[in-house]
Amino acid sequence: MGKKITIRKAEGNWSVRAGGAVLGESANALELSEGDLAPVIYFPREDIAMAFLDESDHTTHCPHKGDASYFSIVTKSTTIQNAAWSYENPIEDADRIKGLLAFAQSDLVTVERI
């Protein structure tokens, strides 16, 4: 049996920052929980400064969500490779995250409730 996916509205306002810049803030983010993994926040594209993101050739496949397309974040000082992803055509159980963006948290990228 696969991991159970739960998608719900993320409570409050959320922000994503990279390279000292705010890439976006949203009151309409979704939280995806998958099995025992840490929850992931998905942002609507209209709440993200897409000018900072460059589409990557990198893709991955998740049996519970589908095929993910990746984006690199371009800041003044660096490019953070494959730091964001989106499911353009997710499987039915994950259709609520279609086209939304999630970000890999790291020393360079922060996703937090504000």
N, C-alpha and C. Protein backbone atom coordinates (compact mmCIF):
# COMPACT_ATOMS: atom_id res chain seq x y z
N MET A 1 0.85 -1.18 0.00
CA MET A 1 0.00 0.00 0.00
C MET A 1 0.89 1.24 0.00
N GLY A 2 0.50 2.26 -0.75
CA GLY A 2 1.28 3.49 -0.88
C GLY A 2 1.11 4.42 0.31
N LYS A 3 1.91 5.45 0.29
CA LYS A 3 1.83 6.46 1.32
C LYS A 3 0.55 7.26 1.14
N LYS A 4 -0.09 7.59 2.24
CA LYS A 4 -1.31 8.39 2.18
C LYS A 4 -0.93 9.86 2.02
N ILE A 5 -1.57 10.51 1.05
CA ILE A 5 -1.34 11.94 0.82
C ILE A 5 -2.56 12.71 1.34
N THR A 6 -2.28 13.76 2.10
CA THR A 6 -3.31 14.67 2.58
C THR A 6 -2.95 16.07 2.13
N ILE A 7 -3.90 16.76 1.52
CA ILE A 7 -3.68 18.13 1.07
C ILE A 7 -4.74 19.00 1.73
N ARG A 8 -4.28 20.06 2.39
CA ARG A 8 -5.22 20.98 3.04
C ARG A 8 -4.70 22.40 2.92
N LYS A 9 -5.55 23.36 3.19
CA LYS A 9 -5.12 24.75 3.18
C LYS A 9 -4.10 24.93 4.29
N ALA A 10 -2.99 25.58 3.98
CA ALA A 10 -1.98 25.88 4.99
C ALA A 10 -2.48 27.07 5.81
N GLU A 11 -2.54 26.90 7.10
CA GLU A 11 -3.05 27.96 7.96
C GLU A 11 -2.11 29.16 7.97
N GLY A 12 -2.68 30.36 7.93
CA GLY A 12 -1.90 31.59 8.04
C GLY A 12 -1.27 32.01 6.72
N ASN A 13 -0.31 32.91 6.84
CA ASN A 13 0.43 33.43 5.69
C ASN A 13 1.81 32.78 5.64
N TRP A 14 2.28 32.49 4.42
CA TRP A 14 3.54 31.80 4.21
C TRP A 14 4.44 32.62 3.30
N SER A 15 5.74 32.52 3.52
CA SER A 15 6.69 33.21 2.64
C SER A 15 7.78 32.24 2.21
N VAL A 16 8.40 32.57 1.08
CA VAL A 16 9.58 31.85 0.62
C VAL A 16 10.63 32.91 0.30
N ARG A 17 11.85 32.68 0.80
CA ARG A 17 12.97 33.61 0.60
C ARG A 17 14.17 32.84 0.07
N ALA A 18 14.94 33.53 -0.77
CA ALA A 18 16.18 32.94 -1.29
C ALA A 18 17.16 34.07 -1.60
N GLY A 19 18.41 33.88 -1.22
CA GLY A 19 19.44 34.87 -1.52
C GLY A 19 19.13 36.24 -0.97
N GLY A 20 18.46 36.31 0.19
CA GLY A 20 18.13 37.58 0.80
C GLY A 20 16.90 38.25 0.23
N ALA A 21 16.27 37.66 -0.79
CA ALA A 21 15.09 38.25 -1.42
C ALA A 21 13.83 37.45 -1.08
N VAL A 22 12.73 38.15 -0.94
CA VAL A 22 11.44 37.49 -0.77
C VAL A 22 10.94 37.11 -2.16
N LEU A 23 10.77 35.82 -2.39
CA LEU A 23 10.27 35.35 -3.69
C LEU A 23 8.75 35.36 -3.73
N GLY A 24 8.14 35.27 -2.56
CA GLY A 24 6.69 35.28 -2.53
C GLY A 24 6.13 35.18 -1.14
N GLU A 25 4.88 35.60 -1.03
CA GLU A 25 4.10 35.47 0.20
C GLU A 25 2.70 35.07 -0.21
N SER A 26 2.07 34.22 0.59
CA SER A 26 0.74 33.75 0.22
C SER A 26 -0.11 33.45 1.44
N ALA A 27 -1.38 33.80 1.32
CA ALA A 27 -2.39 33.39 2.29
C ALA A 27 -3.19 32.22 1.70
N ASN A 28 -2.81 31.78 0.50
CA ASN A 28 -3.55 30.73 -0.21
C ASN A 28 -2.71 29.48 -0.47
N ALA A 29 -1.68 29.28 0.34
CA ALA A 29 -0.81 28.12 0.17
C ALA A 29 -1.53 26.85 0.63
N LEU A 30 -1.07 25.73 0.09
CA LEU A 30 -1.58 24.42 0.50
C LEU A 30 -0.46 23.64 1.19
N GLU A 31 -0.85 22.79 2.12
CA GLU A 31 0.11 21.93 2.82
C GLU A 31 -0.16 20.49 2.41
N LEU A 32 0.89 19.83 1.90
CA LEU A 32 0.79 18.44 1.50
C LEU A 32 1.55 17.59 2.50
N SER A 33 0.87 16.62 3.09
CA SER A 33 1.50 15.65 3.98
C SER A 33 1.49 14.31 3.28
N GLU A 34 2.63 13.62 3.36
CA GLU A 34 2.79 12.33 2.69
C GLU A 34 3.48 11.37 3.63
N GLY A 35 2.70 10.41 4.13
CA GLY A 35 3.27 9.43 5.05
C GLY A 35 3.94 10.09 6.24
N ASP A 36 5.17 9.65 6.53
CA ASP A 36 5.93 10.18 7.67
C ASP A 36 6.85 11.33 7.28
N LEU A 37 6.79 11.79 6.02
CA LEU A 37 7.64 12.88 5.57
C LEU A 37 7.16 14.21 6.14
N ALA A 38 8.06 15.17 6.25
CA ALA A 38 7.68 16.50 6.71
C ALA A 38 6.71 17.12 5.72
N PRO A 39 5.71 17.88 6.20
CA PRO A 39 4.77 18.52 5.29
C PRO A 39 5.50 19.49 4.34
N VAL A 40 4.95 19.64 3.13
CA VAL A 40 5.51 20.54 2.12
C VAL A 40 4.46 21.59 1.79
N ILE A 41 4.89 22.85 1.73
CA ILE A 41 4.01 23.95 1.40
C ILE A 41 4.07 24.22 -0.10
N TYR A 42 2.91 24.31 -0.72
CA TYR A 42 2.79 24.61 -2.15
C TYR A 42 2.17 25.99 -2.32
N PHE A 43 2.82 26.83 -3.13
CA PHE A 43 2.41 28.21 -3.35
C PHE A 43 1.74 28.38 -4.71
N PRO A 44 0.65 29.15 -4.77
CA PRO A 44 0.11 29.51 -6.08
C PRO A 44 1.13 30.35 -6.85
N ARG A 45 1.25 30.12 -8.14
CA ARG A 45 2.24 30.86 -8.95
C ARG A 45 2.01 32.36 -8.92
N GLU A 46 0.76 32.78 -8.82
CA GLU A 46 0.49 34.22 -8.82
C GLU A 46 1.04 34.91 -7.57
N ASP A 47 1.41 34.13 -6.56
CA ASP A 47 1.99 34.69 -5.33
C ASP A 47 3.52 34.63 -5.31
N ILE A 48 4.12 34.14 -6.39
CA ILE A 48 5.58 33.98 -6.48
C ILE A 48 6.12 34.90 -7.57
N ALA A 49 7.26 35.53 -7.30
CA ALA A 49 7.95 36.36 -8.30
C ALA A 49 8.62 35.41 -9.29
N MET A 50 7.90 35.03 -10.33
CA MET A 50 8.37 34.04 -11.29
C MET A 50 9.61 34.50 -12.05
N ALA A 51 9.90 35.80 -12.05
CA ALA A 51 11.09 36.31 -12.73
C ALA A 51 12.37 35.74 -12.11
N PHE A 52 12.31 35.27 -10.86
CA PHE A 52 13.47 34.68 -10.18
C PHE A 52 13.66 33.21 -10.51
N LEU A 53 12.70 32.60 -11.21
CA LEU A 53 12.74 31.16 -11.47
C LEU A 53 13.01 30.89 -12.94
N ASP A 54 13.93 29.97 -13.19
CA ASP A 54 14.22 29.50 -14.55
C ASP A 54 13.86 28.02 -14.62
N GLU A 55 13.09 27.66 -15.63
CA GLU A 55 12.75 26.26 -15.81
C GLU A 55 14.00 25.43 -16.03
N SER A 56 14.03 24.27 -15.42
CA SER A 56 15.15 23.34 -15.52
C SER A 56 14.74 22.16 -16.40
N ASP A 57 15.71 21.42 -16.89
CA ASP A 57 15.43 20.19 -17.63
C ASP A 57 15.18 19.01 -16.68
N HIS A 58 15.46 19.20 -15.40
CA HIS A 58 15.35 18.13 -14.41
C HIS A 58 13.88 17.76 -14.18
N THR A 59 13.61 16.47 -14.08
CA THR A 59 12.28 15.97 -13.74
C THR A 59 12.43 14.79 -12.80
N THR A 60 11.40 14.52 -12.04
CA THR A 60 11.35 13.32 -11.20
C THR A 60 9.94 12.75 -11.29
N HIS A 61 9.80 11.51 -10.84
CA HIS A 61 8.49 10.88 -10.82
C HIS A 61 8.20 10.37 -9.41
N CYS A 62 7.01 10.70 -8.93
CA CYS A 62 6.53 10.19 -7.64
C CYS A 62 5.30 9.35 -7.93
N PRO A 63 5.25 8.11 -7.48
CA PRO A 63 4.08 7.27 -7.76
C PRO A 63 2.80 7.79 -7.12
N HIS A 64 2.93 8.70 -6.14
CA HIS A 64 1.77 9.20 -5.42
C HIS A 64 1.30 10.57 -5.92
N LYS A 65 2.16 11.25 -6.71
CA LYS A 65 1.80 12.59 -7.20
C LYS A 65 1.96 12.73 -8.70
N GLY A 66 2.86 12.01 -9.31
CA GLY A 66 3.08 12.09 -10.75
C GLY A 66 4.46 12.63 -11.09
N ASP A 67 4.58 13.27 -12.26
CA ASP A 67 5.86 13.79 -12.74
C ASP A 67 6.03 15.24 -12.32
N ALA A 68 7.19 15.55 -11.73
CA ALA A 68 7.49 16.90 -11.27
C ALA A 68 8.45 17.58 -12.24
N SER A 69 8.16 18.84 -12.53
CA SER A 69 9.06 19.71 -13.31
C SER A 69 9.77 20.61 -12.31
N TYR A 70 11.03 20.94 -12.61
CA TYR A 70 11.84 21.71 -11.65
C TYR A 70 12.21 23.09 -12.18
N PHE A 71 12.53 23.97 -11.23
CA PHE A 71 12.95 25.34 -11.51
C PHE A 71 14.18 25.65 -10.67
N SER A 72 15.10 26.41 -11.24
CA SER A 72 16.24 26.92 -10.49
C SER A 72 15.92 28.35 -10.08
N ILE A 73 16.39 28.76 -8.91
CA ILE A 73 16.18 30.11 -8.42
C ILE A 73 17.42 30.92 -8.75
N VAL A 74 17.22 32.04 -9.43
CA VAL A 74 18.32 32.91 -9.82
C VAL A 74 18.30 34.15 -8.92
N THR A 75 19.37 34.33 -8.12
CA THR A 75 19.48 35.50 -7.26
C THR A 75 20.63 36.37 -7.79
N LYS A 76 20.85 37.49 -7.14
CA LYS A 76 21.95 38.37 -7.56
C LYS A 76 23.30 37.69 -7.49
N SER A 77 23.46 36.81 -6.49
CA SER A 77 24.79 36.24 -6.25
C SER A 77 24.96 34.79 -6.70
N THR A 78 23.85 34.07 -6.93
CA THR A 78 23.99 32.65 -7.25
C THR A 78 22.74 32.11 -7.94
N THR A 79 22.89 30.93 -8.51
CA THR A 79 21.73 30.18 -9.03
C THR A 79 21.61 28.92 -8.18
N ILE A 80 20.45 28.72 -7.62
CA ILE A 80 20.19 27.56 -6.78
C ILE A 80 19.48 26.54 -7.66
N GLN A 81 20.22 25.52 -8.07
CA GLN A 81 19.73 24.54 -9.04
C GLN A 81 18.57 23.71 -8.50
N ASN A 82 17.54 23.55 -9.31
CA ASN A 82 16.42 22.65 -9.03
C ASN A 82 15.85 22.83 -7.63
N ALA A 83 15.67 24.08 -7.22
CA ALA A 83 15.24 24.40 -5.86
C ALA A 83 13.73 24.46 -5.70
N ALA A 84 13.00 24.43 -6.81
CA ALA A 84 11.54 24.46 -6.75
C ALA A 84 10.99 23.43 -7.73
N TRP A 85 9.79 22.95 -7.42
CA TRP A 85 9.19 21.98 -8.33
C TRP A 85 7.68 22.19 -8.39
N SER A 86 7.12 21.62 -9.45
CA SER A 86 5.68 21.73 -9.68
C SER A 86 5.20 20.47 -10.38
N TYR A 87 3.98 20.07 -10.06
CA TYR A 87 3.33 18.96 -10.75
C TYR A 87 2.33 19.57 -11.72
N GLU A 88 2.67 19.56 -13.01
CA GLU A 88 1.82 20.17 -14.02
C GLU A 88 0.60 19.31 -14.33
N ASN A 89 0.76 18.01 -14.25
CA ASN A 89 -0.34 17.07 -14.50
C ASN A 89 -0.29 15.95 -13.46
N PRO A 90 -0.61 16.29 -12.20
CA PRO A 90 -0.51 15.28 -11.15
C PRO A 90 -1.57 14.19 -11.31
N ILE A 91 -1.34 13.09 -10.61
CA ILE A 91 -2.36 12.05 -10.60
C ILE A 91 -3.59 12.58 -9.84
N GLU A 92 -4.69 11.91 -10.02
CA GLU A 92 -5.97 12.39 -9.50
C GLU A 92 -5.95 12.73 -8.01
N ASP A 93 -5.33 11.90 -7.19
CA ASP A 93 -5.32 12.13 -5.74
C ASP A 93 -4.56 13.40 -5.34
N ALA A 94 -3.74 13.92 -6.24
CA ALA A 94 -2.94 15.10 -5.92
C ALA A 94 -3.32 16.29 -6.79
N ASP A 95 -4.50 16.25 -7.40
CA ASP A 95 -4.86 17.30 -8.36
C ASP A 95 -4.96 18.71 -7.76
N ARG A 96 -5.10 18.82 -6.46
CA ARG A 96 -5.18 20.16 -5.83
C ARG A 96 -3.86 20.93 -5.92
N ILE A 97 -2.73 20.22 -6.13
CA ILE A 97 -1.45 20.93 -6.21
C ILE A 97 -1.03 21.21 -7.66
N LYS A 98 -1.91 20.93 -8.61
CA LYS A 98 -1.57 21.14 -10.02
C LYS A 98 -1.10 22.58 -10.26
N GLY A 99 0.12 22.71 -10.81
CA GLY A 99 0.66 24.02 -11.17
C GLY A 99 1.19 24.85 -10.01
N LEU A 100 1.01 24.39 -8.78
CA LEU A 100 1.54 25.13 -7.63
C LEU A 100 3.04 24.84 -7.49
N LEU A 101 3.74 25.68 -6.75
CA LEU A 101 5.19 25.55 -6.59
C LEU A 101 5.56 25.21 -5.15
N ALA A 102 6.45 24.24 -5.01
CA ALA A 102 7.04 23.90 -3.71
C ALA A 102 8.53 24.18 -3.80
N PHE A 103 9.15 24.42 -2.65
CA PHE A 103 10.56 24.80 -2.60
C PHE A 103 11.31 23.90 -1.63
N ALA A 104 12.51 23.48 -2.05
CA ALA A 104 13.38 22.66 -1.21
C ALA A 104 14.07 23.58 -0.22
N GLN A 105 13.77 23.40 1.06
CA GLN A 105 14.39 24.23 2.08
C GLN A 105 15.86 23.84 2.23
N SER A 106 16.69 24.86 2.42
CA SER A 106 18.13 24.65 2.55
C SER A 106 18.72 25.85 3.27
N ASP A 107 20.05 25.92 3.29
CA ASP A 107 20.71 27.09 3.85
C ASP A 107 20.40 28.34 3.02
N LEU A 108 20.03 28.14 1.75
CA LEU A 108 19.79 29.26 0.83
C LEU A 108 18.32 29.56 0.60
N VAL A 109 17.44 28.63 0.94
CA VAL A 109 16.00 28.79 0.69
C VAL A 109 15.24 28.53 1.97
N THR A 110 14.36 29.47 2.32
CA THR A 110 13.56 29.35 3.55
C THR A 110 12.09 29.47 3.23
N VAL A 111 11.31 28.53 3.70
CA VAL A 111 9.86 28.58 3.63
C VAL A 111 9.38 28.65 5.06
N GLU A 112 8.57 29.69 5.38
CA GLU A 112 8.12 29.82 6.77
C GLU A 112 6.77 30.50 6.86
N ARG A 113 6.10 30.18 7.94
CA ARG A 113 4.83 30.85 8.25
C ARG A 113 5.17 32.20 8.86
N ILE A 114 4.49 33.24 8.36
CA ILE A 114 4.77 34.60 8.88
C ILE A 114 3.57 35.16 9.60
